[in-house]
Amino acid sequence: VGGGVEFSSTQIAKGAATANLPITDFQKLDIDTQNYFINNSDQIRARKKLIDDAKATKGDPISIKNEISSSTLPEAVKSSLLDYLKSVFPEADQVSMPWWQRLLNIF
């Protein structure tokens, strides 16, 4: 045994819910990332609330996207928040693409 961190099934379920991932996928994340989702769920929920509030007030999804992308969050956390942003603002990516990419649907 490498003396690794062991999370309880409750913690893993909480982290997976926060990450919006199935438990099996969540368990594939590295320990630090799992730990972040489990122990910083309040911060992540707060960011999701900002996204929800921006939707309600017709805020700018691009500035939120940039803020998340340039933050010091672990990559998987950024990815999770950006996926959430996309689910709330499905048109956000379309807006930021040049017309020819939208036309050809090239990413």
Protein backbone atom coordinates (compact mmCIF):
# COMPACT_ATOMS: atom_id res chain seq x y z
CA VAL A 1 0.00 0.00 0.00
CA GLY A 2 1.44 3.33 -1.06
CA GLY A 3 -0.08 5.21 1.86
CA GLY A 4 -2.47 6.95 -0.53
CA VAL A 5 -5.42 8.99 0.54
CA GLU A 6 -8.60 6.98 0.92
CA PHE A 7 -11.92 8.76 0.60
CA SER A 8 -15.08 7.34 2.08
CA SER A 9 -17.89 6.36 -0.27
CA THR A 10 -19.84 9.36 1.06
CA GLN A 11 -16.99 11.72 0.16
CA ILE A 12 -16.63 10.14 -3.27
CA ALA A 13 -20.38 10.45 -3.90
CA LYS A 14 -20.27 14.11 -2.81
CA GLY A 15 -17.23 14.84 -4.99
CA ALA A 16 -18.75 13.10 -8.00
CA ALA A 17 -21.97 15.07 -7.56
CA THR A 18 -20.01 18.32 -7.29
CA ALA A 19 -17.99 17.38 -10.39
CA ASN A 20 -21.19 16.29 -12.14
CA LEU A 21 -19.51 13.00 -13.05
CA PRO A 22 -20.48 9.36 -12.63
CA ILE A 23 -18.70 7.90 -9.59
CA THR A 24 -16.57 5.58 -11.77
CA ASP A 25 -15.31 8.54 -13.84
CA PHE A 26 -14.76 10.60 -10.72
CA GLN A 27 -12.57 7.85 -9.25
CA LYS A 28 -10.32 8.03 -12.33
CA LEU A 29 -9.36 11.62 -11.50
CA ASP A 30 -6.10 12.11 -9.65
CA ILE A 31 -6.26 12.27 -5.85
CA ASP A 32 -5.61 16.03 -5.67
CA THR A 33 -8.45 16.73 -8.07
CA GLN A 34 -10.83 14.40 -6.23
CA ASN A 35 -9.80 16.10 -3.01
CA TYR A 36 -10.53 19.52 -4.53
CA PHE A 37 -14.04 18.51 -5.59
CA ILE A 38 -14.74 16.90 -2.21
CA ASN A 39 -13.35 19.65 0.02
CA ASN A 40 -14.12 22.74 -2.06
CA SER A 41 -17.67 21.95 -3.10
CA ASP A 42 -18.82 25.28 -1.60
CA GLN A 43 -16.44 27.23 -3.85
CA ILE A 44 -17.51 25.22 -6.88
CA ARG A 45 -21.20 25.69 -6.03
CA ALA A 46 -20.56 29.42 -5.60
CA ARG A 47 -19.05 29.58 -9.09
CA LYS A 48 -22.00 27.65 -10.51
CA LYS A 49 -24.31 30.14 -8.78
CA LEU A 50 -22.41 32.99 -10.49
CA ILE A 51 -23.08 31.27 -13.82
CA ASP A 52 -26.77 30.84 -12.95
CA ASP A 53 -26.97 34.49 -11.86
CA ALA A 54 -25.29 35.62 -15.07
CA LYS A 55 -27.92 33.70 -17.06
CA ALA A 56 -30.71 35.35 -15.06
CA THR A 57 -29.25 38.84 -15.52
CA LYS A 58 -28.20 38.25 -19.15
CA GLY A 59 -24.55 38.46 -18.11
CA ASP A 60 -21.61 37.77 -20.36
CA PRO A 61 -20.69 34.07 -20.53
CA ILE A 62 -17.43 34.85 -22.34
CA SER A 63 -16.04 36.85 -19.40
CA ILE A 64 -17.01 34.01 -17.02
CA LYS A 65 -15.39 31.50 -19.36
CA ASN A 66 -12.19 33.58 -19.44
CA GLU A 67 -12.20 33.97 -15.65
CA ILE A 68 -12.53 30.20 -15.16
CA SER A 69 -9.91 29.42 -17.83
CA SER A 70 -7.36 31.78 -16.33
CA SER A 71 -7.99 30.71 -12.72
CA THR A 72 -5.63 28.49 -10.75
CA LEU A 73 -8.24 25.75 -10.36
CA PRO A 74 -7.21 22.18 -11.19
CA GLU A 75 -7.82 21.36 -14.89
CA ALA A 76 -10.64 18.90 -14.15
CA VAL A 77 -12.40 21.55 -12.04
CA LYS A 78 -12.07 24.11 -14.84
CA SER A 79 -13.37 21.56 -17.30
CA SER A 80 -16.34 20.75 -15.07
CA LEU A 81 -17.20 24.44 -14.61
CA LEU A 82 -16.81 25.15 -18.33
CA ASP A 83 -19.10 22.21 -19.12
CA TYR A 84 -21.60 23.65 -16.67
CA LEU A 85 -21.25 27.09 -18.28
CA LYS A 86 -21.93 25.48 -21.67
CA SER A 87 -25.03 23.77 -20.33
CA VAL A 88 -26.36 27.10 -19.02
CA PHE A 89 -25.20 29.17 -22.03
CA PRO A 90 -25.24 26.70 -24.94
CA GLU A 91 -24.63 29.52 -27.38
CA ALA A 92 -21.52 30.87 -25.61
CA ASP A 93 -19.05 28.94 -27.78
CA GLN A 94 -20.89 29.86 -30.95
CA VAL A 95 -20.60 33.55 -30.15
CA SER A 96 -16.84 33.44 -29.64
CA MET A 97 -16.07 31.56 -32.86
CA PRO A 98 -15.30 33.29 -36.16
CA TRP A 99 -18.17 33.05 -38.65
CA TRP A 100 -16.30 30.59 -40.86
CA GLN A 101 -15.78 28.19 -37.95
CA ARG A 102 -19.47 28.42 -37.06
CA LEU A 103 -20.31 27.79 -40.69
CA LEU A 104 -18.03 24.75 -40.98
CA ASN A 105 -18.54 23.77 -37.34
CA ILE A 106 -14.79 23.31 -36.89
CA PHE A 107 -13.46 23.54 -33.36
